[in-house]
N, C-alpha and C. Protein backbone atom coordinates (compact mmCIF):
# COMPACT_ATOMS: atom_id res chain seq x y z
N UNK A 1 -56.29 41.45 -138.88
CA UNK A 1 -55.81 40.68 -140.01
C UNK A 1 -55.99 39.20 -139.71
N UNK A 2 -56.54 38.48 -140.65
CA UNK A 2 -56.67 37.03 -140.52
C UNK A 2 -55.39 36.36 -141.02
N UNK A 3 -54.99 35.31 -140.33
CA UNK A 3 -53.83 34.55 -140.76
C UNK A 3 -53.99 33.11 -140.31
N UNK A 4 -53.17 32.26 -140.94
CA UNK A 4 -53.17 30.84 -140.62
C UNK A 4 -51.72 30.39 -140.60
N UNK A 5 -51.35 29.61 -139.61
CA UNK A 5 -50.00 29.06 -139.54
C UNK A 5 -50.06 27.60 -139.97
N UNK A 6 -49.14 27.24 -140.84
CA UNK A 6 -49.07 25.88 -141.38
C UNK A 6 -47.66 25.33 -141.17
N UNK A 7 -47.57 24.07 -140.83
CA UNK A 7 -46.28 23.39 -140.72
C UNK A 7 -46.11 22.54 -141.97
N UNK A 8 -45.05 22.82 -142.73
CA UNK A 8 -44.83 22.18 -144.03
C UNK A 8 -43.61 21.27 -143.94
N UNK A 9 -43.77 20.00 -144.29
CA UNK A 9 -42.65 19.05 -144.31
C UNK A 9 -41.88 19.23 -145.61
N UNK A 10 -40.61 19.60 -145.48
CA UNK A 10 -39.75 19.77 -146.65
C UNK A 10 -38.47 18.94 -146.50
N UNK A 11 -38.58 17.83 -145.78
CA UNK A 11 -37.42 16.97 -145.54
C UNK A 11 -36.72 16.63 -146.84
N UNK A 12 -35.38 16.61 -146.79
CA UNK A 12 -34.64 16.29 -148.02
C UNK A 12 -34.79 14.82 -148.40
N UNK A 13 -34.70 14.53 -149.70
CA UNK A 13 -34.71 13.13 -150.13
C UNK A 13 -33.53 12.37 -149.49
N UNK A 14 -33.70 11.09 -149.33
CA UNK A 14 -32.65 10.23 -148.76
C UNK A 14 -31.32 10.46 -149.49
N UNK A 15 -30.25 10.62 -148.72
CA UNK A 15 -28.92 10.77 -149.29
C UNK A 15 -28.59 12.17 -149.79
N UNK A 16 -29.43 13.15 -149.44
CA UNK A 16 -29.19 14.53 -149.87
C UNK A 16 -29.24 15.47 -148.66
N UNK A 17 -28.88 16.70 -148.90
CA UNK A 17 -29.03 17.78 -147.93
C UNK A 17 -29.87 18.87 -148.57
N UNK A 18 -30.52 19.68 -147.74
CA UNK A 18 -31.34 20.76 -148.23
C UNK A 18 -30.89 22.07 -147.59
N UNK A 19 -30.90 23.12 -148.38
CA UNK A 19 -30.59 24.47 -147.90
C UNK A 19 -31.78 25.34 -148.28
N UNK A 20 -32.33 26.04 -147.30
CA UNK A 20 -33.48 26.91 -147.55
C UNK A 20 -33.16 28.29 -147.01
N UNK A 21 -33.47 29.31 -147.83
CA UNK A 21 -33.20 30.67 -147.41
C UNK A 21 -34.13 31.67 -148.04
N UNK A 22 -33.86 32.93 -147.76
CA UNK A 22 -34.65 34.06 -148.27
C UNK A 22 -33.73 34.93 -149.11
N UNK A 23 -34.25 35.37 -150.22
CA UNK A 23 -33.50 36.22 -151.13
C UNK A 23 -34.44 37.28 -151.68
N UNK A 24 -33.99 38.08 -152.63
CA UNK A 24 -34.86 39.17 -153.05
C UNK A 24 -34.79 39.53 -154.53
N UNK A 25 -34.20 38.69 -155.36
CA UNK A 25 -34.00 39.15 -156.73
C UNK A 25 -34.03 37.98 -157.70
N UNK A 26 -34.56 38.20 -158.88
CA UNK A 26 -34.76 37.15 -159.88
C UNK A 26 -33.45 36.49 -160.32
N UNK A 27 -32.32 37.16 -160.18
CA UNK A 27 -31.05 36.54 -160.60
C UNK A 27 -30.55 35.48 -159.62
N UNK A 28 -31.30 35.24 -158.55
CA UNK A 28 -30.92 34.26 -157.54
C UNK A 28 -30.63 32.89 -158.13
N UNK A 29 -31.49 32.40 -159.02
CA UNK A 29 -31.31 31.05 -159.56
C UNK A 29 -29.97 30.93 -160.27
N UNK A 30 -29.65 31.89 -161.12
CA UNK A 30 -28.38 31.82 -161.85
C UNK A 30 -27.19 31.99 -160.93
N UNK A 31 -27.29 32.90 -159.96
CA UNK A 31 -26.18 33.10 -159.02
C UNK A 31 -25.95 31.88 -158.14
N UNK A 32 -27.04 31.26 -157.67
CA UNK A 32 -26.89 30.03 -156.88
C UNK A 32 -26.26 28.93 -157.72
N UNK A 33 -26.70 28.79 -158.96
CA UNK A 33 -26.13 27.78 -159.86
C UNK A 33 -24.61 27.96 -159.97
N UNK A 34 -24.20 29.18 -160.32
CA UNK A 34 -22.77 29.46 -160.48
C UNK A 34 -22.00 29.22 -159.19
N UNK A 35 -22.57 29.64 -158.08
CA UNK A 35 -21.92 29.47 -156.78
C UNK A 35 -21.71 28.00 -156.44
N UNK A 36 -22.71 27.18 -156.70
CA UNK A 36 -22.61 25.76 -156.38
C UNK A 36 -21.55 25.07 -157.23
N UNK A 37 -21.54 25.30 -158.53
CA UNK A 37 -20.55 24.62 -159.37
C UNK A 37 -19.14 25.14 -159.14
N UNK A 38 -19.01 26.42 -158.79
CA UNK A 38 -17.68 26.96 -158.50
C UNK A 38 -17.15 26.49 -157.16
N UNK A 39 -18.02 26.30 -156.19
CA UNK A 39 -17.61 25.91 -154.84
C UNK A 39 -17.20 24.46 -154.76
N UNK A 40 -17.88 23.61 -155.51
CA UNK A 40 -17.69 22.17 -155.36
C UNK A 40 -18.04 21.50 -156.69
N UNK A 41 -17.09 21.37 -157.60
CA UNK A 41 -17.40 20.88 -158.95
C UNK A 41 -18.07 19.50 -159.01
N UNK A 42 -17.90 18.66 -157.99
CA UNK A 42 -18.49 17.32 -158.01
C UNK A 42 -19.95 17.31 -157.57
N UNK A 43 -20.45 18.43 -157.09
CA UNK A 43 -21.78 18.51 -156.50
C UNK A 43 -22.88 18.26 -157.53
N UNK A 44 -23.93 17.58 -157.11
CA UNK A 44 -25.17 17.44 -157.89
C UNK A 44 -26.22 18.25 -157.14
N UNK A 45 -27.07 18.98 -157.86
CA UNK A 45 -28.00 19.86 -157.16
C UNK A 45 -29.21 20.23 -158.00
N UNK A 46 -30.23 20.68 -157.28
CA UNK A 46 -31.41 21.28 -157.87
C UNK A 46 -31.74 22.54 -157.09
N UNK A 47 -32.20 23.56 -157.78
CA UNK A 47 -32.51 24.86 -157.18
C UNK A 47 -33.93 25.25 -157.55
N UNK A 48 -34.64 25.85 -156.61
CA UNK A 48 -35.94 26.46 -156.91
C UNK A 48 -36.02 27.78 -156.15
N UNK A 49 -36.70 28.75 -156.74
CA UNK A 49 -36.84 30.09 -156.16
C UNK A 49 -38.24 30.59 -156.41
N UNK A 50 -38.94 30.95 -155.34
CA UNK A 50 -40.31 31.47 -155.45
C UNK A 50 -40.27 32.96 -155.72
N UNK A 51 -40.57 33.30 -156.95
CA UNK A 51 -40.64 34.71 -157.34
C UNK A 51 -41.79 35.37 -156.58
N UNK A 52 -41.60 36.61 -156.15
CA UNK A 52 -42.57 37.26 -155.28
C UNK A 52 -43.42 38.33 -155.96
N UNK A 53 -43.05 38.73 -157.16
CA UNK A 53 -43.83 39.75 -157.88
C UNK A 53 -43.82 39.40 -159.36
N UNK A 54 -44.49 40.22 -160.15
CA UNK A 54 -44.58 39.94 -161.58
C UNK A 54 -45.38 38.67 -161.79
N UNK A 55 -44.87 37.74 -162.61
CA UNK A 55 -45.63 36.51 -162.88
C UNK A 55 -45.65 35.52 -161.70
N UNK A 56 -44.81 35.78 -160.68
CA UNK A 56 -44.75 34.95 -159.46
C UNK A 56 -44.62 33.46 -159.78
N UNK A 57 -43.60 33.15 -160.52
CA UNK A 57 -43.31 31.77 -160.91
C UNK A 57 -42.32 31.13 -159.95
N UNK A 58 -42.27 29.82 -159.96
CA UNK A 58 -41.19 29.11 -159.29
C UNK A 58 -40.09 28.95 -160.33
N UNK A 59 -39.04 29.72 -160.18
CA UNK A 59 -37.89 29.66 -161.09
C UNK A 59 -37.01 28.49 -160.65
N UNK A 60 -36.34 27.83 -161.59
CA UNK A 60 -35.55 26.65 -161.21
C UNK A 60 -34.40 26.39 -162.16
N UNK A 61 -33.42 25.64 -161.66
CA UNK A 61 -32.25 25.23 -162.43
C UNK A 61 -31.58 24.09 -161.66
N UNK A 62 -30.57 23.51 -162.26
CA UNK A 62 -29.82 22.45 -161.59
C UNK A 62 -29.02 21.65 -162.58
N UNK A 63 -28.20 20.76 -162.06
CA UNK A 63 -27.45 19.86 -162.93
C UNK A 63 -27.87 18.40 -162.73
N UNK A 64 -28.99 18.21 -162.03
CA UNK A 64 -29.57 16.90 -161.81
C UNK A 64 -31.10 17.06 -161.88
N UNK A 65 -31.72 16.45 -162.88
CA UNK A 65 -33.16 16.64 -163.11
C UNK A 65 -34.01 16.23 -161.92
N UNK A 66 -33.67 15.14 -161.27
CA UNK A 66 -34.46 14.66 -160.14
C UNK A 66 -34.36 15.63 -158.97
N UNK A 67 -33.15 16.08 -158.65
CA UNK A 67 -32.98 17.03 -157.55
C UNK A 67 -33.65 18.36 -157.86
N UNK A 68 -33.63 18.77 -159.12
CA UNK A 68 -34.31 20.01 -159.51
C UNK A 68 -35.82 19.88 -159.29
N UNK A 69 -36.40 18.77 -159.68
CA UNK A 69 -37.84 18.55 -159.46
C UNK A 69 -38.17 18.51 -157.98
N UNK A 70 -37.30 17.89 -157.18
CA UNK A 70 -37.51 17.83 -155.73
C UNK A 70 -37.45 19.23 -155.11
N UNK A 71 -36.53 20.06 -155.58
CA UNK A 71 -36.44 21.43 -155.07
C UNK A 71 -37.69 22.23 -155.43
N UNK A 72 -38.16 22.08 -156.65
CA UNK A 72 -39.39 22.77 -157.08
C UNK A 72 -40.57 22.33 -156.22
N UNK A 73 -40.69 21.05 -155.95
CA UNK A 73 -41.81 20.56 -155.15
C UNK A 73 -41.77 21.15 -153.73
N UNK A 74 -40.61 21.23 -153.13
CA UNK A 74 -40.51 21.80 -151.78
C UNK A 74 -40.78 23.31 -151.79
N UNK A 75 -40.32 24.01 -152.81
CA UNK A 75 -40.61 25.44 -152.93
C UNK A 75 -42.12 25.65 -153.09
N UNK A 76 -42.76 24.79 -153.85
CA UNK A 76 -44.21 24.87 -154.03
C UNK A 76 -44.93 24.67 -152.70
N UNK A 77 -44.49 23.67 -151.92
CA UNK A 77 -45.11 23.41 -150.61
C UNK A 77 -44.97 24.61 -149.68
N UNK A 78 -43.81 25.22 -149.67
CA UNK A 78 -43.58 26.39 -148.81
C UNK A 78 -44.44 27.54 -149.29
N UNK A 79 -44.40 27.83 -150.58
CA UNK A 79 -45.27 28.83 -151.18
C UNK A 79 -45.03 30.26 -150.74
N UNK A 80 -43.93 30.56 -150.09
CA UNK A 80 -43.64 31.91 -149.63
C UNK A 80 -42.75 32.61 -150.64
N UNK A 81 -43.04 33.88 -150.88
CA UNK A 81 -42.27 34.65 -151.84
C UNK A 81 -40.83 34.83 -151.42
N UNK A 82 -39.96 34.81 -152.43
CA UNK A 82 -38.53 35.05 -152.28
C UNK A 82 -37.80 33.99 -151.47
N UNK A 83 -38.41 32.84 -151.31
CA UNK A 83 -37.74 31.71 -150.65
C UNK A 83 -37.02 30.89 -151.72
N UNK A 84 -35.80 30.44 -151.40
CA UNK A 84 -35.10 29.53 -152.30
C UNK A 84 -34.87 28.19 -151.60
N UNK A 85 -34.83 27.14 -152.42
CA UNK A 85 -34.58 25.78 -151.95
C UNK A 85 -33.46 25.21 -152.81
N UNK A 86 -32.44 24.68 -152.17
CA UNK A 86 -31.35 24.01 -152.86
C UNK A 86 -31.25 22.61 -152.27
N UNK A 87 -31.26 21.61 -153.13
CA UNK A 87 -31.05 20.23 -152.68
C UNK A 87 -29.74 19.77 -153.30
N UNK A 88 -28.82 19.28 -152.44
CA UNK A 88 -27.50 18.89 -152.89
C UNK A 88 -27.21 17.42 -152.60
N UNK A 89 -26.41 16.85 -153.48
CA UNK A 89 -25.96 15.47 -153.34
C UNK A 89 -24.48 15.44 -153.70
N UNK A 90 -23.75 14.51 -153.13
CA UNK A 90 -22.31 14.37 -153.37
C UNK A 90 -21.52 15.55 -152.84
N UNK A 91 -22.07 16.24 -151.87
CA UNK A 91 -21.40 17.34 -151.17
C UNK A 91 -22.18 17.61 -149.89
N UNK A 92 -21.63 18.44 -149.05
CA UNK A 92 -22.25 18.82 -147.79
C UNK A 92 -22.55 20.32 -147.84
N UNK A 93 -23.54 20.79 -147.09
CA UNK A 93 -23.77 22.24 -147.04
C UNK A 93 -22.52 23.03 -146.65
N UNK A 94 -21.69 22.47 -145.78
CA UNK A 94 -20.47 23.17 -145.35
C UNK A 94 -19.58 23.53 -146.55
N UNK A 95 -19.69 22.75 -147.64
CA UNK A 95 -18.89 23.03 -148.83
C UNK A 95 -19.34 24.27 -149.59
N UNK A 96 -20.59 24.68 -149.40
CA UNK A 96 -21.15 25.76 -150.23
C UNK A 96 -21.83 26.87 -149.43
N UNK A 97 -22.07 26.67 -148.16
CA UNK A 97 -22.92 27.58 -147.40
C UNK A 97 -22.38 29.00 -147.31
N UNK A 98 -21.10 29.16 -147.02
CA UNK A 98 -20.56 30.52 -146.92
C UNK A 98 -20.64 31.25 -148.26
N UNK A 99 -20.43 30.54 -149.33
CA UNK A 99 -20.55 31.17 -150.66
C UNK A 99 -21.99 31.59 -150.93
N UNK A 100 -22.95 30.74 -150.55
CA UNK A 100 -24.37 31.10 -150.73
C UNK A 100 -24.70 32.34 -149.90
N UNK A 101 -24.28 32.36 -148.64
CA UNK A 101 -24.58 33.49 -147.77
C UNK A 101 -23.94 34.78 -148.24
N UNK A 102 -22.86 34.68 -149.01
CA UNK A 102 -22.17 35.90 -149.48
C UNK A 102 -22.79 36.49 -150.74
N UNK A 103 -23.76 35.81 -151.35
CA UNK A 103 -24.42 36.38 -152.53
C UNK A 103 -25.16 37.65 -152.12
N UNK A 104 -25.04 38.68 -152.93
CA UNK A 104 -25.59 39.99 -152.55
C UNK A 104 -27.10 39.97 -152.38
N UNK A 105 -27.80 39.07 -153.05
CA UNK A 105 -29.25 39.05 -152.93
C UNK A 105 -29.77 38.13 -151.84
N UNK A 106 -28.92 37.31 -151.22
CA UNK A 106 -29.36 36.40 -150.17
C UNK A 106 -29.48 37.18 -148.86
N UNK A 107 -30.70 37.20 -148.32
CA UNK A 107 -30.96 37.91 -147.06
C UNK A 107 -30.65 37.04 -145.85
N UNK A 108 -30.97 35.73 -145.92
CA UNK A 108 -30.68 34.83 -144.81
C UNK A 108 -30.80 33.39 -145.27
N UNK A 109 -30.25 32.50 -144.45
CA UNK A 109 -30.41 31.07 -144.64
C UNK A 109 -31.15 30.56 -143.41
N UNK A 110 -32.25 29.86 -143.65
CA UNK A 110 -33.05 29.31 -142.55
C UNK A 110 -32.53 27.97 -142.06
N UNK A 111 -32.08 27.12 -142.98
CA UNK A 111 -31.66 25.77 -142.60
C UNK A 111 -30.73 25.20 -143.65
N UNK A 112 -29.87 24.31 -143.20
CA UNK A 112 -28.99 23.54 -144.07
C UNK A 112 -28.81 22.21 -143.37
N UNK A 113 -29.43 21.14 -143.90
CA UNK A 113 -29.51 19.91 -143.12
C UNK A 113 -29.80 18.69 -143.98
N UNK A 114 -29.48 17.53 -143.44
CA UNK A 114 -29.91 16.26 -144.01
C UNK A 114 -31.02 15.66 -143.14
N UNK A 115 -31.34 16.33 -142.04
CA UNK A 115 -32.36 15.86 -141.10
C UNK A 115 -33.77 16.06 -141.64
N UNK A 116 -34.74 15.38 -141.03
CA UNK A 116 -36.12 15.74 -141.31
C UNK A 116 -36.29 17.24 -141.04
N UNK A 117 -37.00 17.93 -141.91
CA UNK A 117 -37.12 19.39 -141.80
C UNK A 117 -38.55 19.83 -142.02
N UNK A 118 -39.01 20.67 -141.12
CA UNK A 118 -40.34 21.26 -141.25
C UNK A 118 -40.19 22.77 -141.19
N UNK A 119 -41.00 23.46 -141.98
CA UNK A 119 -40.99 24.91 -142.05
C UNK A 119 -42.33 25.41 -141.50
N UNK A 120 -42.28 26.36 -140.57
CA UNK A 120 -43.49 27.03 -140.09
C UNK A 120 -43.74 28.22 -141.01
N UNK A 121 -44.92 28.20 -141.63
CA UNK A 121 -45.28 29.23 -142.62
C UNK A 121 -46.54 29.93 -142.14
N UNK A 122 -46.55 31.25 -142.26
CA UNK A 122 -47.76 32.01 -141.97
C UNK A 122 -48.39 32.41 -143.31
N UNK A 123 -49.69 32.18 -143.42
CA UNK A 123 -50.45 32.54 -144.62
C UNK A 123 -51.37 33.69 -144.23
N UNK A 124 -51.22 34.85 -144.88
CA UNK A 124 -52.03 36.02 -144.56
C UNK A 124 -53.07 36.31 -145.64
N UNK A 125 -53.31 35.33 -146.49
CA UNK A 125 -54.33 35.47 -147.53
C UNK A 125 -53.76 35.85 -148.88
N UNK A 126 -53.00 36.93 -148.93
CA UNK A 126 -52.43 37.36 -150.20
C UNK A 126 -50.92 37.10 -150.27
N UNK A 127 -50.39 36.38 -149.30
CA UNK A 127 -48.98 36.03 -149.29
C UNK A 127 -48.67 35.09 -148.14
N UNK A 128 -47.49 34.48 -148.24
CA UNK A 128 -47.02 33.56 -147.21
C UNK A 128 -45.59 33.93 -146.84
N UNK A 129 -45.20 33.64 -145.59
CA UNK A 129 -43.85 33.89 -145.14
C UNK A 129 -43.37 32.83 -144.19
N UNK A 130 -42.07 32.59 -144.20
CA UNK A 130 -41.45 31.63 -143.29
C UNK A 130 -41.29 32.30 -141.93
N UNK A 131 -41.75 31.62 -140.89
CA UNK A 131 -41.59 32.16 -139.53
C UNK A 131 -40.65 31.32 -138.68
N UNK A 132 -40.22 30.17 -139.18
CA UNK A 132 -39.28 29.36 -138.42
C UNK A 132 -39.09 27.99 -139.03
N UNK A 133 -38.13 27.25 -138.50
CA UNK A 133 -37.83 25.91 -138.97
C UNK A 133 -37.72 24.96 -137.79
N UNK A 134 -38.02 23.69 -138.06
CA UNK A 134 -37.81 22.61 -137.10
C UNK A 134 -36.87 21.63 -137.78
N UNK A 135 -35.63 21.58 -137.31
CA UNK A 135 -34.56 20.80 -137.94
C UNK A 135 -34.25 19.59 -137.07
N UNK A 136 -34.71 18.41 -137.49
CA UNK A 136 -34.44 17.19 -136.75
C UNK A 136 -35.29 17.06 -135.50
N UNK A 137 -34.77 16.32 -134.54
CA UNK A 137 -35.49 16.05 -133.30
C UNK A 137 -34.90 16.77 -132.12
N UNK A 138 -35.56 16.65 -130.97
CA UNK A 138 -35.07 17.27 -129.74
C UNK A 138 -33.95 16.43 -129.14
N UNK A 139 -33.04 17.04 -128.38
CA UNK A 139 -31.94 16.29 -127.76
C UNK A 139 -32.47 15.21 -126.82
N UNK A 140 -31.77 14.08 -126.78
CA UNK A 140 -32.14 12.98 -125.91
C UNK A 140 -31.23 12.86 -124.69
N UNK A 141 -30.20 13.69 -124.63
CA UNK A 141 -29.28 13.66 -123.51
C UNK A 141 -28.07 14.52 -123.79
N UNK A 142 -27.02 14.35 -122.97
CA UNK A 142 -25.78 15.09 -123.11
C UNK A 142 -24.68 14.09 -123.42
N UNK A 143 -23.81 14.43 -124.37
CA UNK A 143 -22.75 13.50 -124.73
C UNK A 143 -21.79 13.27 -123.58
N UNK A 144 -21.33 12.03 -123.50
CA UNK A 144 -20.31 11.66 -122.51
C UNK A 144 -18.99 11.41 -123.22
N UNK A 145 -18.03 10.87 -122.53
CA UNK A 145 -16.70 10.64 -123.08
C UNK A 145 -16.76 9.74 -124.33
N UNK A 146 -17.58 8.70 -124.29
CA UNK A 146 -17.70 7.78 -125.43
C UNK A 146 -18.24 8.51 -126.67
N UNK A 147 -19.27 9.32 -126.48
CA UNK A 147 -19.87 10.06 -127.60
C UNK A 147 -18.92 11.14 -128.13
N UNK A 148 -18.14 11.74 -127.25
CA UNK A 148 -17.14 12.73 -127.68
C UNK A 148 -16.11 12.05 -128.57
N UNK A 149 -15.64 10.89 -128.15
CA UNK A 149 -14.67 10.14 -128.95
C UNK A 149 -15.27 9.73 -130.31
N UNK A 150 -16.54 9.31 -130.31
CA UNK A 150 -17.21 8.94 -131.56
C UNK A 150 -17.34 10.14 -132.50
N UNK A 151 -17.70 11.31 -131.95
CA UNK A 151 -17.82 12.53 -132.76
C UNK A 151 -16.49 12.89 -133.39
N UNK A 152 -15.43 12.86 -132.60
CA UNK A 152 -14.11 13.21 -133.11
C UNK A 152 -13.65 12.21 -134.17
N UNK A 153 -13.92 10.93 -133.95
CA UNK A 153 -13.55 9.90 -134.93
C UNK A 153 -14.33 10.08 -136.23
N UNK A 154 -15.61 10.39 -136.13
CA UNK A 154 -16.43 10.59 -137.33
C UNK A 154 -15.89 11.75 -138.16
N UNK A 155 -15.55 12.87 -137.53
CA UNK A 155 -15.04 14.02 -138.27
C UNK A 155 -13.73 13.70 -139.00
N UNK A 156 -12.94 12.84 -138.41
CA UNK A 156 -11.69 12.44 -139.06
C UNK A 156 -11.97 11.42 -140.18
N UNK A 157 -12.93 10.56 -139.96
CA UNK A 157 -13.30 9.56 -140.97
C UNK A 157 -13.77 10.23 -142.26
N UNK A 158 -14.55 11.31 -142.13
CA UNK A 158 -15.06 11.96 -143.34
C UNK A 158 -14.14 13.07 -143.84
N UNK A 159 -12.96 13.22 -143.20
CA UNK A 159 -11.94 14.13 -143.72
C UNK A 159 -12.04 15.58 -143.29
N UNK A 160 -12.86 15.90 -142.29
CA UNK A 160 -12.98 17.29 -141.86
C UNK A 160 -12.02 17.66 -140.73
N UNK A 161 -11.33 16.71 -140.18
CA UNK A 161 -10.28 16.96 -139.19
C UNK A 161 -9.14 16.01 -139.49
N UNK A 162 -7.92 16.41 -139.08
CA UNK A 162 -6.76 15.53 -139.35
C UNK A 162 -6.47 14.68 -138.15
């Protein structure tokens, strides 16, 4: 079998986070939409889903036109069937991730990040699949006492710890 591996840049737009996963059913777009608005009413988002059979369209929805277009563009770049892309603003993935993972049609989540993101995709000629993700950069060292204090202060500043 002939195949080609491609590294696709799907980094989220500035000031947003991206969630990418695998699912298996056309109702994904509507279920993701409902899940996002129910989980975090202030959230702005765009969703795209690569249909894998039938007309094989990129299905999409959202409550922010720009984020919806950005999600569609990243889904197009990935080009793998049954992959979904969610781009969120005014919320964090932690606000919605468990709800997304609990959807009956979601098979897995590959990444949820604000970092630069690259997807390793294998192209086998008649289809493409995600084989891995590169989320951000490699570690530059080990945190010391100062960095531990900064991490703890940051979590309290943004309200995730008391």
